[in-house]
Amino acid sequence: MEKMEFAKRQTLALLVDNEPGVLSQIARLFSRKGYNIEAFAAGPTENPGVTRITIDVLADEPHTELLCNQLNKLYPVRSVKWLNAESSIYRELMLIKVKVSGSEQRNDVIQLANIFRAQIIDVSLETLTLGLAGDAEKLSAMEKILSEFETLEIARTGVVAIERGSATINDESKERGEFNYGKNVL
């Protein structure tokens, strides 16, 4: 009997050409395959013509491999890497605005911020806004502890991830020449 695999959160890192329409192509692929993107983060790399995207998706291993293969077929995708927790570093950013009434509550929130190594980003008479970077569990723990105060607003980024050590996402093995319409290749 074949072993049944369960979907779990998988992290994919991509290098893509920095051009209009790339994000919609990637999102359409996930939509066509019936997968919801759980977290998505995109930003510049050391090369201004290339964007790095980190995507979290709920999938089992065979479907994750299929998604990687499908992503690799898209022209603007330069490289795809399926990251695993043992050999990668994951971080997320959270901004959380908490209502404080009086100096005692303000001091309590500041002490909690210090314990979690959060930064105080903004201070007003009625609020404190904290910034915290770390793994998802750390951010969720901070959010839960601050729930005893009135949370006014939370903004969390998607996960960004990179492999430990000398391994990189760069993949120069992708054949791009036949579809290269005057664009620079890796």
N, C-alpha and C. Protein backbone atom coordinates (compact mmCIF):
# COMPACT_ATOMS: atom_id res chain seq x y z
N MET A 1 0.84 -1.19 0.00
CA MET A 1 0.00 0.00 0.00
C MET A 1 0.89 1.25 0.00
N GLU A 2 0.52 2.24 -0.81
CA GLU A 2 1.31 3.45 -0.94
C GLU A 2 1.13 4.34 0.29
N LYS A 3 2.25 4.91 0.74
CA LYS A 3 2.21 5.79 1.91
C LYS A 3 1.60 7.14 1.53
N MET A 4 0.62 7.58 2.28
CA MET A 4 -0.06 8.84 2.03
C MET A 4 0.72 9.98 2.69
N GLU A 5 1.05 11.02 1.90
CA GLU A 5 1.76 12.17 2.46
C GLU A 5 0.76 13.27 2.78
N PHE A 6 1.08 14.05 3.80
CA PHE A 6 0.22 15.15 4.20
C PHE A 6 0.84 16.47 3.79
N ALA A 7 -0.03 17.40 3.46
CA ALA A 7 0.45 18.73 3.09
C ALA A 7 1.02 19.42 4.31
N LYS A 8 2.14 20.08 4.10
CA LYS A 8 2.74 20.91 5.14
C LYS A 8 3.30 22.16 4.47
N ARG A 9 3.67 23.11 5.28
CA ARG A 9 4.16 24.37 4.75
C ARG A 9 5.53 24.16 4.10
N GLN A 10 5.62 24.48 2.83
CA GLN A 10 6.86 24.36 2.05
C GLN A 10 7.30 25.76 1.66
N THR A 11 8.62 25.98 1.63
CA THR A 11 9.16 27.28 1.26
C THR A 11 9.94 27.16 -0.04
N LEU A 12 9.59 28.00 -1.00
CA LEU A 12 10.27 28.06 -2.28
C LEU A 12 10.93 29.42 -2.43
N ALA A 13 12.16 29.43 -2.92
CA ALA A 13 12.86 30.68 -3.21
C ALA A 13 13.06 30.75 -4.72
N LEU A 14 12.79 31.91 -5.29
CA LEU A 14 12.91 32.10 -6.73
C LEU A 14 13.75 33.32 -7.04
N LEU A 15 14.48 33.27 -8.13
CA LEU A 15 15.08 34.45 -8.72
C LEU A 15 14.36 34.67 -10.03
N VAL A 16 13.85 35.89 -10.24
CA VAL A 16 13.07 36.19 -11.44
C VAL A 16 13.57 37.49 -12.05
N ASP A 17 13.31 37.65 -13.35
CA ASP A 17 13.62 38.91 -14.00
C ASP A 17 12.77 40.01 -13.37
N ASN A 18 13.35 41.15 -13.15
CA ASN A 18 12.65 42.29 -12.57
C ASN A 18 11.94 43.03 -13.70
N GLU A 19 10.73 42.56 -14.02
CA GLU A 19 9.96 43.16 -15.11
C GLU A 19 8.47 43.06 -14.80
N PRO A 20 7.66 43.91 -15.43
CA PRO A 20 6.21 43.88 -15.17
C PRO A 20 5.59 42.54 -15.55
N GLY A 21 4.62 42.09 -14.74
CA GLY A 21 3.86 40.90 -15.06
C GLY A 21 4.39 39.60 -14.48
N VAL A 22 5.60 39.61 -13.93
CA VAL A 22 6.19 38.38 -13.42
C VAL A 22 5.39 37.84 -12.24
N LEU A 23 5.03 38.70 -11.31
CA LEU A 23 4.30 38.25 -10.13
C LEU A 23 2.94 37.66 -10.51
N SER A 24 2.27 38.25 -11.49
CA SER A 24 0.97 37.71 -11.89
C SER A 24 1.12 36.36 -12.58
N GLN A 25 2.20 36.14 -13.33
CA GLN A 25 2.44 34.83 -13.94
C GLN A 25 2.61 33.76 -12.87
N ILE A 26 3.37 34.09 -11.84
CA ILE A 26 3.63 33.14 -10.75
C ILE A 26 2.33 32.86 -9.99
N ALA A 27 1.59 33.91 -9.67
CA ALA A 27 0.33 33.73 -8.94
C ALA A 27 -0.66 32.90 -9.75
N ARG A 28 -0.73 33.12 -11.07
CA ARG A 28 -1.63 32.34 -11.93
C ARG A 28 -1.26 30.87 -11.92
N LEU A 29 0.03 30.58 -11.92
CA LEU A 29 0.46 29.18 -11.90
C LEU A 29 -0.05 28.49 -10.63
N PHE A 30 0.12 29.14 -9.47
CA PHE A 30 -0.36 28.56 -8.22
C PHE A 30 -1.88 28.40 -8.25
N SER A 31 -2.57 29.38 -8.78
CA SER A 31 -4.03 29.34 -8.86
C SER A 31 -4.49 28.21 -9.77
N ARG A 32 -3.86 28.07 -10.94
CA ARG A 32 -4.23 27.00 -11.88
C ARG A 32 -4.03 25.62 -11.26
N LYS A 33 -3.00 25.47 -10.46
CA LYS A 33 -2.70 24.18 -9.84
C LYS A 33 -3.52 23.95 -8.58
N GLY A 34 -4.29 24.97 -8.15
CA GLY A 34 -5.16 24.81 -6.99
C GLY A 34 -4.49 25.01 -5.64
N TYR A 35 -3.42 25.79 -5.62
CA TYR A 35 -2.70 26.04 -4.37
C TYR A 35 -2.86 27.48 -3.94
N ASN A 36 -3.02 27.68 -2.65
CA ASN A 36 -3.09 29.00 -2.07
C ASN A 36 -1.70 29.39 -1.58
N ILE A 37 -1.26 30.57 -1.90
CA ILE A 37 0.02 31.06 -1.40
C ILE A 37 -0.21 31.52 0.04
N GLU A 38 0.47 30.89 0.99
CA GLU A 38 0.31 31.19 2.41
C GLU A 38 1.06 32.46 2.80
N ALA A 39 2.24 32.66 2.22
CA ALA A 39 3.05 33.87 2.48
C ALA A 39 3.87 34.15 1.23
N PHE A 40 4.10 35.43 0.99
CA PHE A 40 4.79 35.85 -0.23
C PHE A 40 5.63 37.08 0.10
N ALA A 41 6.90 37.05 -0.23
CA ALA A 41 7.76 38.22 -0.03
C ALA A 41 8.65 38.37 -1.26
N ALA A 42 8.78 39.59 -1.74
CA ALA A 42 9.62 39.86 -2.91
C ALA A 42 10.46 41.09 -2.65
N GLY A 43 11.67 41.08 -3.18
CA GLY A 43 12.54 42.23 -3.00
C GLY A 43 13.76 42.15 -3.89
N PRO A 44 14.52 43.24 -3.94
CA PRO A 44 15.69 43.31 -4.81
C PRO A 44 16.82 42.37 -4.35
N THR A 45 17.71 42.07 -5.27
CA THR A 45 18.90 41.28 -4.98
C THR A 45 20.13 42.13 -5.25
N GLU A 46 21.29 41.50 -5.23
CA GLU A 46 22.53 42.22 -5.54
C GLU A 46 22.58 42.65 -7.00
N ASN A 47 21.72 42.06 -7.85
CA ASN A 47 21.62 42.41 -9.26
C ASN A 47 20.32 43.20 -9.48
N PRO A 48 20.39 44.46 -9.91
CA PRO A 48 19.17 45.27 -10.05
C PRO A 48 18.15 44.72 -11.04
N GLY A 49 18.55 43.84 -11.95
CA GLY A 49 17.63 43.27 -12.92
C GLY A 49 16.95 42.00 -12.43
N VAL A 50 17.24 41.61 -11.18
CA VAL A 50 16.72 40.35 -10.65
C VAL A 50 16.02 40.60 -9.31
N THR A 51 14.86 39.97 -9.14
CA THR A 51 14.10 40.04 -7.90
C THR A 51 14.11 38.66 -7.25
N ARG A 52 14.23 38.63 -5.93
CA ARG A 52 14.13 37.37 -5.19
C ARG A 52 12.75 37.29 -4.57
N ILE A 53 12.10 36.15 -4.75
CA ILE A 53 10.77 35.91 -4.21
C ILE A 53 10.83 34.70 -3.30
N THR A 54 10.22 34.82 -2.13
CA THR A 54 10.07 33.68 -1.23
C THR A 54 8.58 33.41 -1.10
N ILE A 55 8.18 32.15 -1.33
CA ILE A 55 6.78 31.76 -1.31
C ILE A 55 6.61 30.59 -0.35
N ASP A 56 5.63 30.69 0.54
CA ASP A 56 5.22 29.58 1.39
C ASP A 56 3.90 29.05 0.86
N VAL A 57 3.81 27.73 0.73
CA VAL A 57 2.62 27.08 0.21
C VAL A 57 2.38 25.79 0.99
N LEU A 58 1.12 25.43 1.19
CA LEU A 58 0.78 24.15 1.80
C LEU A 58 0.72 23.10 0.70
N ALA A 59 1.64 22.12 0.78
CA ALA A 59 1.69 21.07 -0.23
C ALA A 59 2.46 19.88 0.31
N ASP A 60 2.23 18.72 -0.29
CA ASP A 60 3.05 17.57 0.06
C ASP A 60 4.30 17.60 -0.83
N GLU A 61 5.23 16.69 -0.59
CA GLU A 61 6.50 16.72 -1.31
C GLU A 61 6.36 16.52 -2.82
N PRO A 62 5.59 15.54 -3.29
CA PRO A 62 5.46 15.38 -4.75
C PRO A 62 4.86 16.61 -5.44
N HIS A 63 3.88 17.23 -4.80
CA HIS A 63 3.27 18.42 -5.40
C HIS A 63 4.21 19.63 -5.34
N THR A 64 5.03 19.70 -4.31
CA THR A 64 6.01 20.78 -4.22
C THR A 64 7.04 20.64 -5.35
N GLU A 65 7.47 19.42 -5.59
CA GLU A 65 8.41 19.18 -6.69
C GLU A 65 7.78 19.55 -8.03
N LEU A 66 6.50 19.21 -8.20
CA LEU A 66 5.78 19.58 -9.42
C LEU A 66 5.72 21.10 -9.57
N LEU A 67 5.40 21.81 -8.48
CA LEU A 67 5.36 23.27 -8.53
C LEU A 67 6.73 23.84 -8.93
N CYS A 68 7.80 23.30 -8.36
CA CYS A 68 9.16 23.76 -8.70
C CYS A 68 9.43 23.58 -10.20
N ASN A 69 9.06 22.40 -10.72
CA ASN A 69 9.27 22.14 -12.16
C ASN A 69 8.46 23.09 -13.02
N GLN A 70 7.20 23.34 -12.63
CA GLN A 70 6.35 24.25 -13.39
C GLN A 70 6.88 25.69 -13.33
N LEU A 71 7.33 26.11 -12.15
CA LEU A 71 7.90 27.46 -12.02
C LEU A 71 9.14 27.62 -12.89
N ASN A 72 9.97 26.58 -12.93
CA ASN A 72 11.20 26.63 -13.72
C ASN A 72 10.91 26.78 -15.21
N LYS A 73 9.73 26.40 -15.66
CA LYS A 73 9.37 26.51 -17.07
C LYS A 73 8.98 27.92 -17.47
N LEU A 74 8.64 28.76 -16.51
CA LEU A 74 8.25 30.14 -16.82
C LEU A 74 9.48 30.91 -17.28
N TYR A 75 9.36 31.65 -18.38
CA TYR A 75 10.52 32.36 -18.92
C TYR A 75 11.18 33.31 -17.91
N PRO A 76 10.43 34.17 -17.22
CA PRO A 76 11.11 35.14 -16.36
C PRO A 76 11.75 34.53 -15.10
N VAL A 77 11.49 33.25 -14.83
CA VAL A 77 12.07 32.61 -13.65
C VAL A 77 13.47 32.14 -13.99
N ARG A 78 14.45 32.65 -13.27
CA ARG A 78 15.85 32.28 -13.50
C ARG A 78 16.24 31.05 -12.70
N SER A 79 15.69 30.92 -11.50
CA SER A 79 16.08 29.82 -10.62
C SER A 79 14.99 29.57 -9.59
N VAL A 80 14.82 28.30 -9.21
CA VAL A 80 13.87 27.92 -8.17
C VAL A 80 14.60 26.98 -7.22
N LYS A 81 14.42 27.21 -5.93
CA LYS A 81 15.02 26.33 -4.94
C LYS A 81 13.99 26.03 -3.86
N TRP A 82 13.85 24.77 -3.55
CA TRP A 82 12.96 24.31 -2.49
C TRP A 82 13.81 24.26 -1.23
N LEU A 83 13.49 25.11 -0.27
CA LEU A 83 14.30 25.23 0.94
C LEU A 83 13.78 24.31 2.04
N ASN A 84 14.69 23.70 2.78
CA ASN A 84 14.26 22.89 3.92
C ASN A 84 14.73 23.53 5.22
N ALA A 85 14.00 23.27 6.27
CA ALA A 85 14.22 23.94 7.55
C ALA A 85 15.59 23.64 8.14
N GLU A 86 16.13 22.44 7.90
CA GLU A 86 17.39 22.06 8.51
C GLU A 86 18.57 22.86 7.96
N SER A 87 18.49 23.26 6.70
CA SER A 87 19.64 23.94 6.10
C SER A 87 19.34 25.38 5.68
N SER A 88 18.29 25.97 6.23
CA SER A 88 17.91 27.32 5.84
C SER A 88 17.61 28.19 7.05
N ILE A 89 17.68 29.48 6.84
CA ILE A 89 17.36 30.47 7.86
C ILE A 89 16.09 31.19 7.41
N TYR A 90 15.09 31.26 8.30
CA TYR A 90 13.80 31.89 8.00
C TYR A 90 13.61 33.08 8.92
N ARG A 91 13.14 34.19 8.38
CA ARG A 91 12.82 35.35 9.18
C ARG A 91 11.58 36.03 8.63
N GLU A 92 10.90 36.71 9.54
CA GLU A 92 9.69 37.46 9.21
C GLU A 92 9.76 38.75 10.02
N LEU A 93 9.06 39.77 9.57
CA LEU A 93 9.00 41.05 10.29
C LEU A 93 7.56 41.31 10.70
N MET A 94 7.38 41.81 11.93
CA MET A 94 6.05 42.18 12.40
C MET A 94 6.12 43.59 13.00
N LEU A 95 5.15 44.40 12.65
CA LEU A 95 4.91 45.67 13.32
C LEU A 95 3.60 45.52 14.07
N ILE A 96 3.60 45.89 15.34
CA ILE A 96 2.39 45.74 16.15
C ILE A 96 2.17 47.01 16.96
N LYS A 97 0.98 47.57 16.83
CA LYS A 97 0.61 48.79 17.53
C LYS A 97 -0.31 48.43 18.69
N VAL A 98 0.10 48.82 19.90
CA VAL A 98 -0.62 48.47 21.12
C VAL A 98 -1.08 49.74 21.81
N LYS A 99 -2.33 49.72 22.29
CA LYS A 99 -2.86 50.84 23.04
C LYS A 99 -2.35 50.73 24.48
N VAL A 100 -1.83 51.82 24.99
CA VAL A 100 -1.38 51.86 26.39
C VAL A 100 -2.03 53.05 27.08
N SER A 101 -2.49 52.80 28.30
CA SER A 101 -3.08 53.90 29.06
C SER A 101 -2.26 54.05 30.34
N GLY A 102 -1.48 55.09 30.36
CA GLY A 102 -0.68 55.36 31.55
C GLY A 102 0.73 54.78 31.46
N SER A 103 1.56 55.28 32.36
CA SER A 103 2.97 54.91 32.35
C SER A 103 3.21 53.47 32.79
N GLU A 104 2.33 52.92 33.62
CA GLU A 104 2.52 51.54 34.07
C GLU A 104 2.37 50.56 32.90
N GLN A 105 1.31 50.75 32.12
CA GLN A 105 1.13 49.89 30.94
C GLN A 105 2.25 50.10 29.93
N ARG A 106 2.64 51.35 29.75
CA ARG A 106 3.73 51.66 28.81
C ARG A 106 4.99 50.92 29.24
N ASN A 107 5.33 50.96 30.54
CA ASN A 107 6.52 50.28 31.04
C ASN A 107 6.40 48.76 30.87
N ASP A 108 5.21 48.20 31.08
CA ASP A 108 5.00 46.76 30.90
C ASP A 108 5.28 46.35 29.44
N VAL A 109 4.77 47.14 28.51
CA VAL A 109 4.98 46.84 27.09
C VAL A 109 6.46 46.99 26.74
N ILE A 110 7.11 47.99 27.26
CA ILE A 110 8.54 48.19 26.98
C ILE A 110 9.36 47.02 27.54
N GLN A 111 9.01 46.53 28.73
CA GLN A 111 9.71 45.37 29.29
C GLN A 111 9.52 44.13 28.42
N LEU A 112 8.31 43.91 27.94
CA LEU A 112 8.06 42.78 27.05
C LEU A 112 8.84 42.94 25.74
N ALA A 113 8.89 44.16 25.23
CA ALA A 113 9.66 44.42 24.01
C ALA A 113 11.13 44.07 24.23
N ASN A 114 11.66 44.44 25.37
CA ASN A 114 13.06 44.12 25.67
C ASN A 114 13.30 42.62 25.76
N ILE A 115 12.38 41.89 26.37
CA ILE A 115 12.52 40.43 26.48
C ILE A 115 12.59 39.79 25.10
N PHE A 116 11.76 40.28 24.18
CA PHE A 116 11.70 39.71 22.83
C PHE A 116 12.70 40.37 21.87
N ARG A 117 13.46 41.33 22.36
CA ARG A 117 14.40 42.10 21.54
C ARG A 117 13.69 42.83 20.40
N ALA A 118 12.50 43.32 20.69
CA ALA A 118 11.75 44.12 19.73
C ALA A 118 12.21 45.56 19.83
N GLN A 119 12.06 46.29 18.77
CA GLN A 119 12.40 47.71 18.76
C GLN A 119 11.12 48.53 18.92
N ILE A 120 11.24 49.61 19.65
CA ILE A 120 10.13 50.55 19.76
C ILE A 120 10.26 51.49 18.57
N ILE A 121 9.29 51.39 17.66
CA ILE A 121 9.35 52.12 16.39
C ILE A 121 8.69 53.49 16.50
N ASP A 122 7.59 53.56 17.28
CA ASP A 122 6.85 54.81 17.38
C ASP A 122 6.20 54.87 18.76
N VAL A 123 6.16 56.09 19.30
CA VAL A 123 5.55 56.33 20.61
C VAL A 123 4.60 57.51 20.48
N SER A 124 3.39 57.33 21.02
CA SER A 124 2.47 58.46 21.15
C SER A 124 1.92 58.41 22.56
N LEU A 125 1.06 59.35 22.91
CA LEU A 125 0.50 59.36 24.26
C LEU A 125 -0.34 58.12 24.54
N GLU A 126 -0.99 57.57 23.50
CA GLU A 126 -1.89 56.43 23.71
C GLU A 126 -1.38 55.11 23.15
N THR A 127 -0.30 55.12 22.37
CA THR A 127 0.13 53.88 21.71
C THR A 127 1.64 53.69 21.75
N LEU A 128 2.04 52.44 21.59
CA LEU A 128 3.42 52.06 21.31
C LEU A 128 3.39 51.16 20.09
N THR A 129 4.28 51.41 19.14
CA THR A 129 4.40 50.53 17.98
C THR A 129 5.76 49.85 18.07
N LEU A 130 5.71 48.51 18.02
CA LEU A 130 6.92 47.72 18.14
C LEU A 130 7.23 47.05 16.81
N GLY A 131 8.52 46.86 16.56
CA GLY A 131 8.97 46.12 15.39
C GLY A 131 9.77 44.92 15.87
N LEU A 132 9.49 43.76 15.31
CA LEU A 132 10.15 42.53 15.73
C LEU A 132 10.45 41.67 14.52
N ALA A 133 11.70 41.20 14.44
CA ALA A 133 12.09 40.26 13.39
C ALA A 133 12.45 38.93 14.03
N GLY A 134 12.07 37.85 13.38
CA GLY A 134 12.39 36.52 13.89
C GLY A 134 11.61 35.47 13.14
N ASP A 135 11.63 34.25 13.68
CA ASP A 135 10.85 33.20 13.03
C ASP A 135 9.38 33.37 13.40
N ALA A 136 8.52 32.67 12.68
CA ALA A 136 7.07 32.84 12.85
C ALA A 136 6.62 32.55 14.27
N GLU A 137 7.24 31.56 14.91
CA GLU A 137 6.85 31.19 16.28
C GLU A 137 7.14 32.33 17.26
N LYS A 138 8.29 32.99 17.09
CA LYS A 138 8.64 34.11 17.97
C LYS A 138 7.64 35.25 17.81
N LEU A 139 7.28 35.56 16.57
CA LEU A 139 6.34 36.64 16.32
C LEU A 139 4.97 36.31 16.88
N SER A 140 4.54 35.07 16.71
CA SER A 140 3.24 34.66 17.25
C SER A 140 3.23 34.70 18.77
N ALA A 141 4.35 34.34 19.39
CA ALA A 141 4.45 34.38 20.86
C ALA A 141 4.36 35.82 21.35
N MET A 142 5.03 36.74 20.67
CA MET A 142 4.96 38.16 21.04
C MET A 142 3.53 38.67 20.89
N GLU A 143 2.90 38.31 19.80
CA GLU A 143 1.52 38.72 19.54
C GLU A 143 0.59 38.21 20.64
N LYS A 144 0.78 36.96 21.05
CA LYS A 144 -0.07 36.36 22.09
C LYS A 144 0.14 37.06 23.43
N ILE A 145 1.39 37.33 23.78
CA ILE A 145 1.67 37.98 25.07
C ILE A 145 1.12 39.41 25.09
N LEU A 146 1.22 40.10 23.96
CA LEU A 146 0.71 41.47 23.91
C LEU A 146 -0.82 41.52 23.81
N SER A 147 -1.46 40.37 23.67
CA SER A 147 -2.92 40.36 23.56
C SER A 147 -3.60 40.79 24.87
N GLU A 148 -2.86 40.80 25.98
CA GLU A 148 -3.45 41.30 27.23
C GLU A 148 -3.64 42.82 27.19
N PHE A 149 -2.98 43.45 26.24
CA PHE A 149 -3.18 44.88 25.99
C PHE A 149 -4.09 44.98 24.76
N GLU A 150 -4.61 46.12 24.49
CA GLU A 150 -5.46 46.27 23.32
C GLU A 150 -4.59 46.45 22.08
N THR A 151 -4.61 45.44 21.21
CA THR A 151 -3.86 45.51 19.96
C THR A 151 -4.69 46.29 18.95
N LEU A 152 -4.13 47.37 18.44
CA LEU A 152 -4.85 48.20 17.48
C LEU A 152 -4.61 47.78 16.04
N GLU A 153 -3.38 47.29 15.77
CA GLU A 153 -3.05 46.94 14.39
C GLU A 153 -1.82 46.04 14.37
N ILE A 154 -1.82 45.10 13.42
CA ILE A 154 -0.67 44.22 13.21
C ILE A 154 -0.39 44.16 11.71
N ALA A 155 0.88 44.27 11.35
CA ALA A 155 1.31 44.07 9.97
C ALA A 155 2.49 43.10 9.99
N ARG A 156 2.34 41.99 9.27
CA ARG A 156 3.41 40.99 9.19
C ARG A 156 3.81 40.78 7.73
N THR A 157 5.10 40.68 7.51
CA THR A 157 5.57 40.37 6.17
C THR A 157 5.46 38.88 5.95
N GLY A 158 5.68 38.46 4.75
CA GLY A 158 5.85 37.04 4.50
C GLY A 158 7.24 36.63 4.93
N VAL A 159 7.48 35.36 4.93
CA VAL A 159 8.77 34.81 5.31
C VAL A 159 9.79 35.10 4.22
N VAL A 160 10.99 35.47 4.63
CA VAL A 160 12.14 35.48 3.73
C VAL A 160 13.08 34.41 4.24
N ALA A 161 13.75 33.74 3.31
CA ALA A 161 14.60 32.62 3.70
C ALA A 161 15.83 32.57 2.82
N ILE A 162 16.89 32.03 3.39
CA ILE A 162 18.15 31.86 2.67
C ILE A 162 18.84 30.62 3.23
N GLU A 163 19.58 29.94 2.38
CA GLU A 163 20.26 28.74 2.85
C GLU A 163 21.48 29.08 3.69
N ARG A 164 21.76 28.21 4.64
CA ARG A 164 22.95 28.37 5.47
C ARG A 164 24.20 28.03 4.66
N GLY A 165 25.34 28.53 5.13
CA GLY A 165 26.62 28.17 4.52
C GLY A 165 26.81 28.76 3.14
N SER A 166 27.55 28.05 2.30
CA SER A 166 27.92 28.58 0.99
C SER A 166 26.92 28.26 -0.11
N ALA A 167 25.89 27.48 0.18
CA ALA A 167 24.88 27.16 -0.84
C ALA A 167 24.11 28.42 -1.22
N THR A 168 23.80 28.57 -2.51
CA THR A 168 23.04 29.73 -2.99
C THR A 168 21.91 29.26 -3.90
N ILE A 169 21.05 30.19 -4.21
CA ILE A 169 19.93 29.91 -5.10
C ILE A 169 20.34 29.98 -6.57
N ASN A 170 21.47 30.57 -6.85
CA ASN A 170 21.87 30.77 -8.25
C ASN A 170 21.94 29.45 -8.99
N ASP A 171 21.24 29.40 -10.12
CA ASP A 171 21.18 28.21 -10.95
C ASP A 171 21.45 28.63 -12.38
N GLU A 172 22.65 28.39 -12.82
CA GLU A 172 23.01 28.82 -14.17
C GLU A 172 22.81 27.71 -15.19
N SER A 173 22.12 26.64 -14.79
CA SER A 173 21.93 25.52 -15.70
C SER A 173 20.68 25.68 -16.57
N LYS A 174 19.83 26.64 -16.27
CA LYS A 174 18.59 26.79 -17.03
C LYS A 174 18.89 27.29 -18.44
N GLU A 175 18.35 26.60 -19.41
CA GLU A 175 18.52 26.95 -20.80
C GLU A 175 17.60 28.12 -21.11
N ARG A 176 18.16 29.28 -21.46
CA ARG A 176 17.34 30.45 -21.69
C ARG A 176 17.53 31.02 -23.09
N GLY A 177 18.55 30.62 -23.78
CA GLY A 177 18.91 31.25 -25.04
C GLY A 177 17.84 31.24 -26.10
N GLU A 178 17.12 30.12 -26.28
CA GLU A 178 16.16 30.02 -27.37
C GLU A 178 14.97 30.97 -27.18
N PHE A 179 14.66 31.37 -25.93
CA PHE A 179 13.55 32.26 -25.67
C PHE A 179 14.00 33.67 -25.34
N ASN A 180 15.28 33.93 -25.49
CA ASN A 180 15.84 35.23 -25.13
C ASN A 180 15.64 36.22 -26.26
N TYR A 181 14.71 37.13 -26.07
CA TYR A 181 14.44 38.14 -27.09
C TYR A 181 15.18 39.43 -26.76
N GLY A 182 16.50 39.38 -26.83
CA GLY A 182 17.30 40.56 -26.58
C GLY A 182 17.53 40.86 -25.13
N LYS A 183 17.20 39.96 -24.23
CA LYS A 183 17.40 40.20 -22.81
C LYS A 183 18.72 39.58 -22.37
N ASN A 184 19.25 40.12 -21.27
CA ASN A 184 20.46 39.55 -20.69
C ASN A 184 20.14 38.22 -20.06
N VAL A 185 21.01 37.27 -20.21
CA VAL A 185 20.84 35.97 -19.56
C VAL A 185 21.82 35.89 -18.42
N LEU A 186 21.59 34.93 -17.54
CA LEU A 186 22.48 34.75 -16.38
C LEU A 186 23.92 34.61 -16.78
